[in-house]
Amino acid sequence: MVEDMSDTTQETTRTFGWSDMFVAPDEDPREDGGWEGEHATLAGSLRDRRLTFQLKCAGLDAEQMARRPIPPSNLSLLGLLRHLADVERAWFRRILAAEDAPARYPGEEAFEATDSDDASVAEAWDDWRAQVENSERFVDAATDMGVMSKSEQTRVALREVMVHMIEEYARHNGHADLLRERIDGRVGQ
């Protein structure tokens, strides 16, 4: 028997930004396809998944970003943001470039933190943006998606990392959908 763990004290009403989208089509920053070649397709798809995550978090304050609205899960949008920054750091800095770039939130620490102040959330966004910028520079500089990682412990081609990152964001965008809907009822692609 599965116990219903939903919090009925804070009901939300589902709201749509535009049809089933977060923003009107002419305001949507995503390209959603049309790329030519492997490099452009993988880079464009990953960029769109990153933009989707940003859209899922748009307009929320620090308390909402840190809220864990689906008990007993410890997932929050802030935790996902910190986790995704560490995933970017791990794959592009530590594995592909073999840099000394330890995780900022090892293990489950990204999800354990409950700080909901503006400065902590701004710092998490700044870190994520810095990691994404680094990742994009690495991909833009690659002349071949088959370039192998420099890490001696993990040998993997850039194309495999790109596919993994697209999957990582797609999975967590699904989590973000549920979290956002539970926070304020907002739904959309």
N, C-alpha and C. Protein backbone atom coordinates (compact mmCIF):
# COMPACT_ATOMS: atom_id res chain seq x y z
N MET A 1 0.84 -1.18 0.00
CA MET A 1 0.00 0.00 0.00
C MET A 1 0.89 1.25 0.00
N VAL A 2 0.62 2.17 -0.89
CA VAL A 2 1.37 3.41 -0.98
C VAL A 2 0.63 4.48 -0.19
N GLU A 3 1.34 5.11 0.73
CA GLU A 3 0.75 6.15 1.55
C GLU A 3 0.79 7.47 0.80
N ASP A 4 -0.32 8.21 0.82
CA ASP A 4 -0.39 9.51 0.18
C ASP A 4 0.34 10.52 1.05
N MET A 5 1.49 11.02 0.54
CA MET A 5 2.33 11.95 1.30
C MET A 5 2.12 13.39 0.85
N SER A 6 1.11 13.66 0.02
CA SER A 6 0.94 15.02 -0.50
C SER A 6 0.47 15.96 0.59
N ASP A 7 0.90 17.18 0.47
CA ASP A 7 0.55 18.23 1.43
C ASP A 7 -0.73 18.89 0.94
N THR A 8 -1.82 18.63 1.63
CA THR A 8 -3.10 19.19 1.21
C THR A 8 -3.36 20.55 1.81
N THR A 9 -2.45 21.05 2.63
CA THR A 9 -2.64 22.37 3.23
C THR A 9 -2.35 23.49 2.26
N GLN A 10 -1.67 23.19 1.17
CA GLN A 10 -1.32 24.23 0.22
C GLN A 10 -1.68 23.76 -1.19
N GLU A 11 -2.93 23.87 -1.54
CA GLU A 11 -3.37 23.47 -2.87
C GLU A 11 -3.01 24.55 -3.88
N THR A 12 -2.67 24.13 -5.06
CA THR A 12 -2.35 25.07 -6.12
C THR A 12 -3.31 24.85 -7.28
N THR A 13 -3.46 25.85 -8.08
CA THR A 13 -4.29 25.77 -9.27
C THR A 13 -3.37 25.75 -10.47
N ARG A 14 -3.58 24.80 -11.37
CA ARG A 14 -2.74 24.70 -12.55
C ARG A 14 -2.97 25.92 -13.43
N THR A 15 -1.89 26.56 -13.84
CA THR A 15 -1.98 27.71 -14.73
C THR A 15 -1.00 27.53 -15.88
N PHE A 16 -1.42 27.97 -17.04
CA PHE A 16 -0.60 27.87 -18.23
C PHE A 16 -0.15 29.26 -18.66
N GLY A 17 1.10 29.37 -19.08
CA GLY A 17 1.60 30.64 -19.59
C GLY A 17 1.03 30.95 -20.95
N TRP A 18 1.10 30.01 -21.85
CA TRP A 18 0.58 30.17 -23.21
C TRP A 18 0.25 28.77 -23.68
N SER A 19 -1.00 28.48 -23.85
CA SER A 19 -1.42 27.14 -24.21
C SER A 19 -0.75 26.17 -23.23
N ASP A 20 0.14 25.32 -23.72
CA ASP A 20 0.84 24.41 -22.82
C ASP A 20 2.31 24.79 -22.68
N MET A 21 2.62 26.07 -22.91
CA MET A 21 4.00 26.53 -22.86
C MET A 21 4.19 27.52 -21.72
N PHE A 22 5.43 27.71 -21.29
CA PHE A 22 5.74 28.68 -20.25
C PHE A 22 5.69 30.10 -20.78
N VAL A 23 6.01 30.27 -22.04
CA VAL A 23 6.01 31.60 -22.65
C VAL A 23 5.35 31.52 -24.01
N ALA A 24 4.92 32.67 -24.51
CA ALA A 24 4.34 32.72 -25.85
C ALA A 24 5.39 32.30 -26.88
N PRO A 25 4.96 31.69 -27.97
CA PRO A 25 5.93 31.20 -28.96
C PRO A 25 6.92 32.25 -29.44
N ASP A 26 6.49 33.50 -29.63
CA ASP A 26 7.42 34.52 -30.12
C ASP A 26 8.38 35.02 -29.04
N GLU A 27 8.18 34.58 -27.78
CA GLU A 27 9.07 34.94 -26.68
C GLU A 27 9.94 33.77 -26.24
N ASP A 28 9.74 32.60 -26.84
CA ASP A 28 10.45 31.40 -26.43
C ASP A 28 11.91 31.47 -26.92
N PRO A 29 12.88 31.40 -26.01
CA PRO A 29 14.29 31.51 -26.40
C PRO A 29 14.86 30.24 -27.02
N ARG A 30 14.10 29.16 -26.98
CA ARG A 30 14.63 27.88 -27.48
C ARG A 30 14.46 27.79 -28.99
N GLU A 31 15.39 27.05 -29.62
CA GLU A 31 15.35 26.88 -31.07
C GLU A 31 14.49 25.69 -31.47
N ASP A 32 14.51 24.64 -30.67
CA ASP A 32 13.70 23.44 -30.89
C ASP A 32 13.91 22.80 -32.27
N GLY A 33 15.17 22.55 -32.58
CA GLY A 33 15.49 21.82 -33.80
C GLY A 33 15.94 22.69 -34.95
N GLY A 34 16.09 22.04 -36.10
CA GLY A 34 16.52 22.74 -37.30
C GLY A 34 18.02 22.86 -37.43
N TRP A 35 18.77 22.14 -36.62
CA TRP A 35 20.22 22.24 -36.66
C TRP A 35 20.78 21.35 -37.75
N GLU A 36 21.94 21.71 -38.27
CA GLU A 36 22.62 20.95 -39.31
C GLU A 36 23.91 20.36 -38.76
N GLY A 37 24.06 19.06 -38.83
CA GLY A 37 25.28 18.40 -38.41
C GLY A 37 25.27 18.01 -36.93
N GLU A 38 26.18 17.09 -36.62
CA GLU A 38 26.26 16.54 -35.27
C GLU A 38 26.57 17.60 -34.21
N HIS A 39 27.58 18.41 -34.45
CA HIS A 39 28.00 19.42 -33.48
C HIS A 39 26.86 20.37 -33.16
N ALA A 40 26.25 20.93 -34.19
CA ALA A 40 25.16 21.90 -33.99
C ALA A 40 23.95 21.24 -33.34
N THR A 41 23.65 20.00 -33.71
CA THR A 41 22.48 19.31 -33.16
C THR A 41 22.66 19.03 -31.67
N LEU A 42 23.82 18.51 -31.30
CA LEU A 42 24.06 18.21 -29.88
C LEU A 42 24.14 19.49 -29.06
N ALA A 43 24.88 20.49 -29.55
CA ALA A 43 25.02 21.75 -28.81
C ALA A 43 23.67 22.47 -28.71
N GLY A 44 22.91 22.50 -29.79
CA GLY A 44 21.61 23.17 -29.78
C GLY A 44 20.61 22.47 -28.88
N SER A 45 20.59 21.17 -28.92
CA SER A 45 19.67 20.42 -28.07
C SER A 45 19.99 20.62 -26.60
N LEU A 46 21.27 20.59 -26.25
CA LEU A 46 21.66 20.81 -24.86
C LEU A 46 21.33 22.24 -24.44
N ARG A 47 21.58 23.20 -25.31
CA ARG A 47 21.25 24.60 -25.00
C ARG A 47 19.74 24.74 -24.73
N ASP A 48 18.92 24.10 -25.54
CA ASP A 48 17.47 24.15 -25.34
C ASP A 48 17.05 23.51 -24.02
N ARG A 49 17.68 22.42 -23.63
CA ARG A 49 17.35 21.77 -22.35
C ARG A 49 17.74 22.68 -21.18
N ARG A 50 18.87 23.38 -21.31
CA ARG A 50 19.28 24.33 -20.27
C ARG A 50 18.29 25.48 -20.18
N LEU A 51 17.87 26.01 -21.33
CA LEU A 51 16.90 27.09 -21.34
C LEU A 51 15.57 26.64 -20.74
N THR A 52 15.19 25.40 -21.00
CA THR A 52 13.96 24.87 -20.42
C THR A 52 14.04 24.89 -18.90
N PHE A 53 15.19 24.48 -18.35
CA PHE A 53 15.34 24.50 -16.90
C PHE A 53 15.20 25.94 -16.38
N GLN A 54 15.82 26.89 -17.06
CA GLN A 54 15.69 28.29 -16.63
C GLN A 54 14.23 28.74 -16.65
N LEU A 55 13.50 28.35 -17.69
CA LEU A 55 12.09 28.72 -17.77
C LEU A 55 11.29 28.14 -16.61
N LYS A 56 11.62 26.91 -16.21
CA LYS A 56 10.90 26.26 -15.11
C LYS A 56 11.11 27.01 -13.80
N CYS A 57 12.22 27.72 -13.67
CA CYS A 57 12.55 28.44 -12.43
C CYS A 57 12.22 29.92 -12.50
N ALA A 58 11.86 30.40 -13.67
CA ALA A 58 11.66 31.84 -13.88
C ALA A 58 10.57 32.40 -12.97
N GLY A 59 10.87 33.57 -12.40
CA GLY A 59 9.87 34.28 -11.62
C GLY A 59 9.70 33.82 -10.19
N LEU A 60 10.50 32.85 -9.75
CA LEU A 60 10.37 32.35 -8.38
C LEU A 60 11.31 33.10 -7.45
N ASP A 61 10.87 33.31 -6.21
CA ASP A 61 11.75 33.94 -5.23
C ASP A 61 12.61 32.87 -4.55
N ALA A 62 13.48 33.31 -3.67
CA ALA A 62 14.44 32.39 -3.02
C ALA A 62 13.73 31.31 -2.21
N GLU A 63 12.68 31.68 -1.50
CA GLU A 63 11.95 30.68 -0.70
C GLU A 63 11.33 29.63 -1.60
N GLN A 64 10.76 30.04 -2.71
CA GLN A 64 10.14 29.08 -3.63
C GLN A 64 11.20 28.18 -4.27
N MET A 65 12.36 28.74 -4.62
CA MET A 65 13.43 27.93 -5.19
C MET A 65 13.90 26.85 -4.21
N ALA A 66 13.93 27.17 -2.93
CA ALA A 66 14.42 26.23 -1.91
C ALA A 66 13.33 25.30 -1.38
N ARG A 67 12.08 25.58 -1.69
CA ARG A 67 10.96 24.79 -1.15
C ARG A 67 11.03 23.35 -1.64
N ARG A 68 10.70 22.43 -0.76
CA ARG A 68 10.61 20.99 -1.07
C ARG A 68 9.12 20.62 -1.06
N PRO A 69 8.44 20.82 -2.17
CA PRO A 69 6.98 20.73 -2.17
C PRO A 69 6.40 19.32 -2.31
N ILE A 70 7.24 18.31 -2.45
CA ILE A 70 6.72 16.96 -2.66
C ILE A 70 7.30 16.02 -1.61
N PRO A 71 6.77 16.04 -0.38
CA PRO A 71 7.29 15.15 0.66
C PRO A 71 7.05 13.69 0.30
N PRO A 72 7.90 12.78 0.69
CA PRO A 72 9.06 12.97 1.54
C PRO A 72 10.33 13.30 0.77
N SER A 73 10.22 13.59 -0.52
CA SER A 73 11.39 13.91 -1.35
C SER A 73 12.09 15.16 -0.84
N ASN A 74 13.41 15.17 -0.97
CA ASN A 74 14.16 16.37 -0.60
C ASN A 74 14.48 17.22 -1.83
N LEU A 75 13.83 16.95 -2.97
CA LEU A 75 14.07 17.72 -4.18
C LEU A 75 13.52 19.13 -4.06
N SER A 76 14.32 20.07 -4.54
CA SER A 76 13.89 21.46 -4.68
C SER A 76 14.51 21.97 -5.97
N LEU A 77 13.98 23.05 -6.49
CA LEU A 77 14.57 23.64 -7.69
C LEU A 77 15.97 24.15 -7.40
N LEU A 78 16.19 24.69 -6.20
CA LEU A 78 17.53 25.13 -5.81
C LEU A 78 18.49 23.94 -5.76
N GLY A 79 18.04 22.83 -5.22
CA GLY A 79 18.88 21.62 -5.19
C GLY A 79 19.21 21.14 -6.59
N LEU A 80 18.21 21.16 -7.48
CA LEU A 80 18.47 20.76 -8.87
C LEU A 80 19.46 21.71 -9.53
N LEU A 81 19.32 23.00 -9.28
CA LEU A 81 20.24 23.99 -9.85
C LEU A 81 21.67 23.72 -9.40
N ARG A 82 21.86 23.49 -8.11
CA ARG A 82 23.19 23.20 -7.59
C ARG A 82 23.73 21.88 -8.15
N HIS A 83 22.87 20.89 -8.24
CA HIS A 83 23.27 19.59 -8.78
C HIS A 83 23.70 19.74 -10.25
N LEU A 84 22.92 20.47 -11.04
CA LEU A 84 23.25 20.63 -12.46
C LEU A 84 24.56 21.40 -12.64
N ALA A 85 24.83 22.37 -11.78
CA ALA A 85 26.12 23.08 -11.85
C ALA A 85 27.25 22.10 -11.58
N ASP A 86 27.08 21.22 -10.60
CA ASP A 86 28.12 20.24 -10.30
C ASP A 86 28.27 19.20 -11.42
N VAL A 87 27.17 18.84 -12.07
CA VAL A 87 27.25 17.90 -13.19
C VAL A 87 28.02 18.54 -14.35
N GLU A 88 27.73 19.81 -14.65
CA GLU A 88 28.48 20.54 -15.68
C GLU A 88 29.96 20.55 -15.31
N ARG A 89 30.26 20.88 -14.05
CA ARG A 89 31.64 20.97 -13.57
C ARG A 89 32.34 19.61 -13.72
N ALA A 90 31.66 18.55 -13.33
CA ALA A 90 32.27 17.22 -13.37
C ALA A 90 32.59 16.80 -14.80
N TRP A 91 31.64 16.87 -15.70
CA TRP A 91 31.85 16.35 -17.05
C TRP A 91 32.79 17.22 -17.88
N PHE A 92 32.59 18.52 -17.86
CA PHE A 92 33.36 19.37 -18.75
C PHE A 92 34.71 19.79 -18.15
N ARG A 93 34.77 20.01 -16.87
CA ARG A 93 36.04 20.43 -16.27
C ARG A 93 36.88 19.22 -15.83
N ARG A 94 36.31 18.39 -14.98
CA ARG A 94 37.11 17.29 -14.42
C ARG A 94 37.38 16.19 -15.43
N ILE A 95 36.36 15.76 -16.16
CA ILE A 95 36.54 14.60 -17.03
C ILE A 95 37.08 14.99 -18.40
N LEU A 96 36.40 15.91 -19.10
CA LEU A 96 36.85 16.25 -20.45
C LEU A 96 38.16 17.04 -20.44
N ALA A 97 38.28 18.05 -19.57
CA ALA A 97 39.47 18.90 -19.57
C ALA A 97 40.52 18.48 -18.54
N ALA A 98 40.21 17.52 -17.69
CA ALA A 98 41.13 17.04 -16.63
C ALA A 98 41.59 18.18 -15.71
N GLU A 99 40.68 19.09 -15.39
CA GLU A 99 40.99 20.18 -14.47
C GLU A 99 40.74 19.72 -13.03
N ASP A 100 41.38 20.39 -12.11
CA ASP A 100 41.12 20.16 -10.69
C ASP A 100 39.90 21.03 -10.33
N ALA A 101 38.72 20.43 -10.39
CA ALA A 101 37.48 21.17 -10.15
C ALA A 101 36.55 20.32 -9.30
N PRO A 102 36.80 20.29 -7.99
CA PRO A 102 35.97 19.45 -7.12
C PRO A 102 34.52 19.92 -7.07
N ALA A 103 33.64 18.99 -6.75
CA ALA A 103 32.23 19.32 -6.61
C ALA A 103 32.03 20.32 -5.48
N ARG A 104 31.13 21.25 -5.68
CA ARG A 104 30.79 22.19 -4.61
C ARG A 104 29.81 21.57 -3.63
N TYR A 105 29.00 20.64 -4.13
CA TYR A 105 27.99 19.97 -3.31
C TYR A 105 28.10 18.46 -3.53
N PRO A 106 29.11 17.84 -2.94
CA PRO A 106 29.30 16.40 -3.17
C PRO A 106 28.15 15.56 -2.61
N GLY A 107 27.94 14.42 -3.26
CA GLY A 107 26.89 13.52 -2.80
C GLY A 107 25.52 14.17 -2.88
N GLU A 108 24.82 14.15 -1.77
CA GLU A 108 23.47 14.70 -1.71
C GLU A 108 23.44 16.13 -1.17
N GLU A 109 24.59 16.75 -0.96
CA GLU A 109 24.62 18.08 -0.34
C GLU A 109 23.80 19.12 -1.12
N ALA A 110 23.74 19.01 -2.42
CA ALA A 110 22.96 19.98 -3.21
C ALA A 110 21.50 19.96 -2.78
N PHE A 111 21.01 18.78 -2.41
CA PHE A 111 19.60 18.64 -2.05
C PHE A 111 19.35 18.79 -0.56
N GLU A 112 20.40 18.69 0.24
CA GLU A 112 20.24 18.81 1.69
C GLU A 112 20.14 20.26 2.14
N ALA A 113 20.78 21.16 1.39
CA ALA A 113 20.78 22.57 1.78
C ALA A 113 19.36 23.13 1.69
N THR A 114 18.97 23.86 2.69
CA THR A 114 17.63 24.46 2.71
C THR A 114 17.68 25.97 2.81
N ASP A 115 18.87 26.57 2.61
CA ASP A 115 18.97 28.02 2.69
C ASP A 115 18.13 28.66 1.60
N SER A 116 17.30 29.57 2.01
CA SER A 116 16.37 30.18 1.06
C SER A 116 16.52 31.69 1.00
N ASP A 117 17.74 32.16 1.24
CA ASP A 117 17.98 33.60 1.15
C ASP A 117 18.38 33.98 -0.27
N ASP A 118 18.15 35.24 -0.61
CA ASP A 118 18.42 35.72 -1.97
C ASP A 118 19.88 35.52 -2.38
N ALA A 119 20.80 35.75 -1.45
CA ALA A 119 22.23 35.65 -1.77
C ALA A 119 22.61 34.21 -2.13
N SER A 120 22.10 33.23 -1.41
CA SER A 120 22.42 31.83 -1.70
C SER A 120 21.88 31.40 -3.05
N VAL A 121 20.68 31.84 -3.37
CA VAL A 121 20.08 31.49 -4.67
C VAL A 121 20.83 32.20 -5.79
N ALA A 122 21.17 33.46 -5.60
CA ALA A 122 21.94 34.20 -6.62
C ALA A 122 23.30 33.54 -6.84
N GLU A 123 23.94 33.11 -5.76
CA GLU A 123 25.23 32.43 -5.87
C GLU A 123 25.10 31.12 -6.65
N ALA A 124 24.02 30.39 -6.42
CA ALA A 124 23.80 29.13 -7.15
C ALA A 124 23.60 29.40 -8.64
N TRP A 125 22.82 30.43 -8.97
CA TRP A 125 22.63 30.79 -10.38
C TRP A 125 23.95 31.24 -11.01
N ASP A 126 24.73 32.04 -10.29
CA ASP A 126 26.02 32.51 -10.82
C ASP A 126 26.95 31.32 -11.09
N ASP A 127 26.99 30.38 -10.16
CA ASP A 127 27.83 29.19 -10.34
C ASP A 127 27.37 28.39 -11.54
N TRP A 128 26.06 28.15 -11.65
CA TRP A 128 25.53 27.38 -12.78
C TRP A 128 25.86 28.07 -14.10
N ARG A 129 25.64 29.38 -14.17
CA ARG A 129 25.94 30.11 -15.41
C ARG A 129 27.42 30.03 -15.77
N ALA A 130 28.29 30.13 -14.77
CA ALA A 130 29.73 30.03 -15.02
C ALA A 130 30.09 28.65 -15.56
N GLN A 131 29.48 27.61 -15.00
CA GLN A 131 29.76 26.26 -15.47
C GLN A 131 29.23 26.06 -16.89
N VAL A 132 28.04 26.57 -17.17
CA VAL A 132 27.47 26.45 -18.52
C VAL A 132 28.35 27.20 -19.52
N GLU A 133 28.79 28.40 -19.17
CA GLU A 133 29.66 29.17 -20.07
C GLU A 133 30.95 28.40 -20.35
N ASN A 134 31.53 27.81 -19.33
CA ASN A 134 32.74 27.00 -19.53
C ASN A 134 32.45 25.82 -20.45
N SER A 135 31.35 25.14 -20.20
CA SER A 135 30.98 23.98 -21.03
C SER A 135 30.78 24.39 -22.48
N GLU A 136 30.09 25.50 -22.69
CA GLU A 136 29.85 25.96 -24.06
C GLU A 136 31.14 26.35 -24.76
N ARG A 137 32.08 26.97 -24.04
CA ARG A 137 33.38 27.29 -24.63
C ARG A 137 34.11 26.02 -25.05
N PHE A 138 34.06 25.00 -24.19
CA PHE A 138 34.72 23.73 -24.49
C PHE A 138 34.13 23.12 -25.76
N VAL A 139 32.81 23.09 -25.85
CA VAL A 139 32.14 22.50 -27.01
C VAL A 139 32.41 23.32 -28.26
N ASP A 140 32.33 24.65 -28.15
CA ASP A 140 32.58 25.51 -29.31
C ASP A 140 34.00 25.34 -29.85
N ALA A 141 34.96 25.08 -28.97
CA ALA A 141 36.35 24.92 -29.38
C ALA A 141 36.63 23.54 -29.99
N ALA A 142 35.75 22.59 -29.76
CA ALA A 142 35.97 21.23 -30.26
C ALA A 142 35.74 21.18 -31.77
N THR A 143 36.71 20.65 -32.48
CA THR A 143 36.57 20.52 -33.93
C THR A 143 35.94 19.19 -34.31
N ASP A 144 35.85 18.29 -33.34
CA ASP A 144 35.33 16.95 -33.60
C ASP A 144 34.61 16.47 -32.34
N MET A 145 33.39 16.01 -32.48
CA MET A 145 32.64 15.52 -31.33
C MET A 145 33.20 14.18 -30.82
N GLY A 146 34.13 13.62 -31.54
CA GLY A 146 34.77 12.38 -31.10
C GLY A 146 36.00 12.61 -30.24
N VAL A 147 36.32 13.89 -29.95
CA VAL A 147 37.48 14.18 -29.12
C VAL A 147 37.31 13.45 -27.78
N MET A 148 38.39 12.85 -27.33
CA MET A 148 38.34 12.06 -26.10
C MET A 148 38.71 12.91 -24.89
N SER A 149 38.17 12.51 -23.75
CA SER A 149 38.44 13.20 -22.49
C SER A 149 39.92 13.11 -22.16
N LYS A 150 40.41 14.09 -21.40
CA LYS A 150 41.80 14.09 -20.97
C LYS A 150 41.98 13.37 -19.65
N SER A 151 40.90 13.09 -18.96
CA SER A 151 40.97 12.38 -17.69
C SER A 151 41.49 10.97 -17.92
N GLU A 152 42.46 10.56 -17.12
CA GLU A 152 42.99 9.20 -17.24
C GLU A 152 42.05 8.18 -16.62
N GLN A 153 41.21 8.60 -15.69
CA GLN A 153 40.29 7.68 -15.02
C GLN A 153 39.04 7.40 -15.86
N THR A 154 38.59 8.37 -16.63
CA THR A 154 37.37 8.22 -17.41
C THR A 154 37.64 8.60 -18.86
N ARG A 155 37.66 7.61 -19.73
CA ARG A 155 37.86 7.85 -21.15
C ARG A 155 36.50 7.84 -21.84
N VAL A 156 36.14 8.98 -22.38
CA VAL A 156 34.83 9.12 -23.01
C VAL A 156 34.92 10.20 -24.09
N ALA A 157 34.16 10.03 -25.15
CA ALA A 157 34.13 11.02 -26.24
C ALA A 157 33.18 12.15 -25.89
N LEU A 158 33.48 13.34 -26.41
CA LEU A 158 32.64 14.50 -26.18
C LEU A 158 31.19 14.23 -26.57
N ARG A 159 30.96 13.54 -27.68
CA ARG A 159 29.58 13.28 -28.12
C ARG A 159 28.81 12.48 -27.07
N GLU A 160 29.50 11.54 -26.39
CA GLU A 160 28.83 10.76 -25.35
C GLU A 160 28.48 11.64 -24.16
N VAL A 161 29.36 12.58 -23.82
CA VAL A 161 29.08 13.51 -22.73
C VAL A 161 27.89 14.40 -23.10
N MET A 162 27.86 14.86 -24.33
CA MET A 162 26.76 15.72 -24.77
C MET A 162 25.42 14.98 -24.68
N VAL A 163 25.39 13.75 -25.15
CA VAL A 163 24.15 12.96 -25.08
C VAL A 163 23.76 12.76 -23.62
N HIS A 164 24.75 12.46 -22.78
CA HIS A 164 24.46 12.28 -21.35
C HIS A 164 23.90 13.57 -20.75
N MET A 165 24.48 14.71 -21.09
CA MET A 165 24.02 15.98 -20.53
C MET A 165 22.60 16.32 -20.99
N ILE A 166 22.29 16.02 -22.25
CA ILE A 166 20.92 16.23 -22.74
C ILE A 166 19.95 15.38 -21.93
N GLU A 167 20.32 14.13 -21.69
CA GLU A 167 19.49 13.23 -20.89
C GLU A 167 19.39 13.73 -19.45
N GLU A 168 20.48 14.19 -18.89
CA GLU A 168 20.50 14.69 -17.51
C GLU A 168 19.52 15.85 -17.34
N TYR A 169 19.61 16.82 -18.24
CA TYR A 169 18.71 17.96 -18.17
C TYR A 169 17.27 17.54 -18.44
N ALA A 170 17.04 16.67 -19.41
CA ALA A 170 15.67 16.24 -19.72
C ALA A 170 15.03 15.58 -18.49
N ARG A 171 15.78 14.72 -17.83
CA ARG A 171 15.26 14.03 -16.63
C ARG A 171 14.94 15.05 -15.55
N HIS A 172 15.87 15.97 -15.29
CA HIS A 172 15.65 16.93 -14.22
C HIS A 172 14.63 18.00 -14.60
N ASN A 173 14.45 18.26 -15.89
CA ASN A 173 13.36 19.16 -16.30
C ASN A 173 12.01 18.53 -15.97
N GLY A 174 11.93 17.21 -16.05
CA GLY A 174 10.70 16.53 -15.62
C GLY A 174 10.46 16.72 -14.13
N HIS A 175 11.53 16.59 -13.35
CA HIS A 175 11.40 16.86 -11.91
C HIS A 175 10.97 18.32 -11.69
N ALA A 176 11.60 19.23 -12.44
CA ALA A 176 11.29 20.66 -12.28
C ALA A 176 9.83 20.95 -12.63
N ASP A 177 9.28 20.23 -13.62
CA ASP A 177 7.86 20.38 -13.95
C ASP A 177 6.98 20.13 -12.73
N LEU A 178 7.24 18.99 -12.08
CA LEU A 178 6.44 18.62 -10.92
C LEU A 178 6.64 19.59 -9.76
N LEU A 179 7.88 19.97 -9.51
CA LEU A 179 8.16 20.90 -8.41
C LEU A 179 7.48 22.24 -8.66
N ARG A 180 7.61 22.76 -9.87
CA ARG A 180 7.02 24.07 -10.19
C ARG A 180 5.50 24.02 -10.07
N GLU A 181 4.90 22.97 -10.59
CA GLU A 181 3.45 22.87 -10.50
C GLU A 181 3.00 22.85 -9.04
N ARG A 182 3.75 22.17 -8.20
CA ARG A 182 3.40 22.07 -6.78
C ARG A 182 3.64 23.40 -6.05
N ILE A 183 4.60 24.18 -6.52
CA ILE A 183 4.91 25.46 -5.88
C ILE A 183 3.82 26.50 -6.17
N ASP A 184 3.49 26.68 -7.46
CA ASP A 184 2.54 27.74 -7.78
C ASP A 184 1.54 27.38 -8.87
N GLY A 185 1.49 26.09 -9.24
CA GLY A 185 0.51 25.66 -10.22
C GLY A 185 0.93 25.87 -11.66
N ARG A 186 2.08 26.45 -11.89
CA ARG A 186 2.53 26.75 -13.25
C ARG A 186 2.97 25.48 -13.96
N VAL A 187 2.45 25.24 -15.13
CA VAL A 187 2.83 24.08 -15.93
C VAL A 187 3.16 24.53 -17.34
N GLY A 188 3.81 23.68 -18.09
CA GLY A 188 4.14 23.98 -19.48
C GLY A 188 5.35 23.24 -19.92
N GLN A 189 5.60 23.28 -21.21
CA GLN A 189 6.72 22.50 -21.76
C GLN A 189 8.05 23.06 -21.38
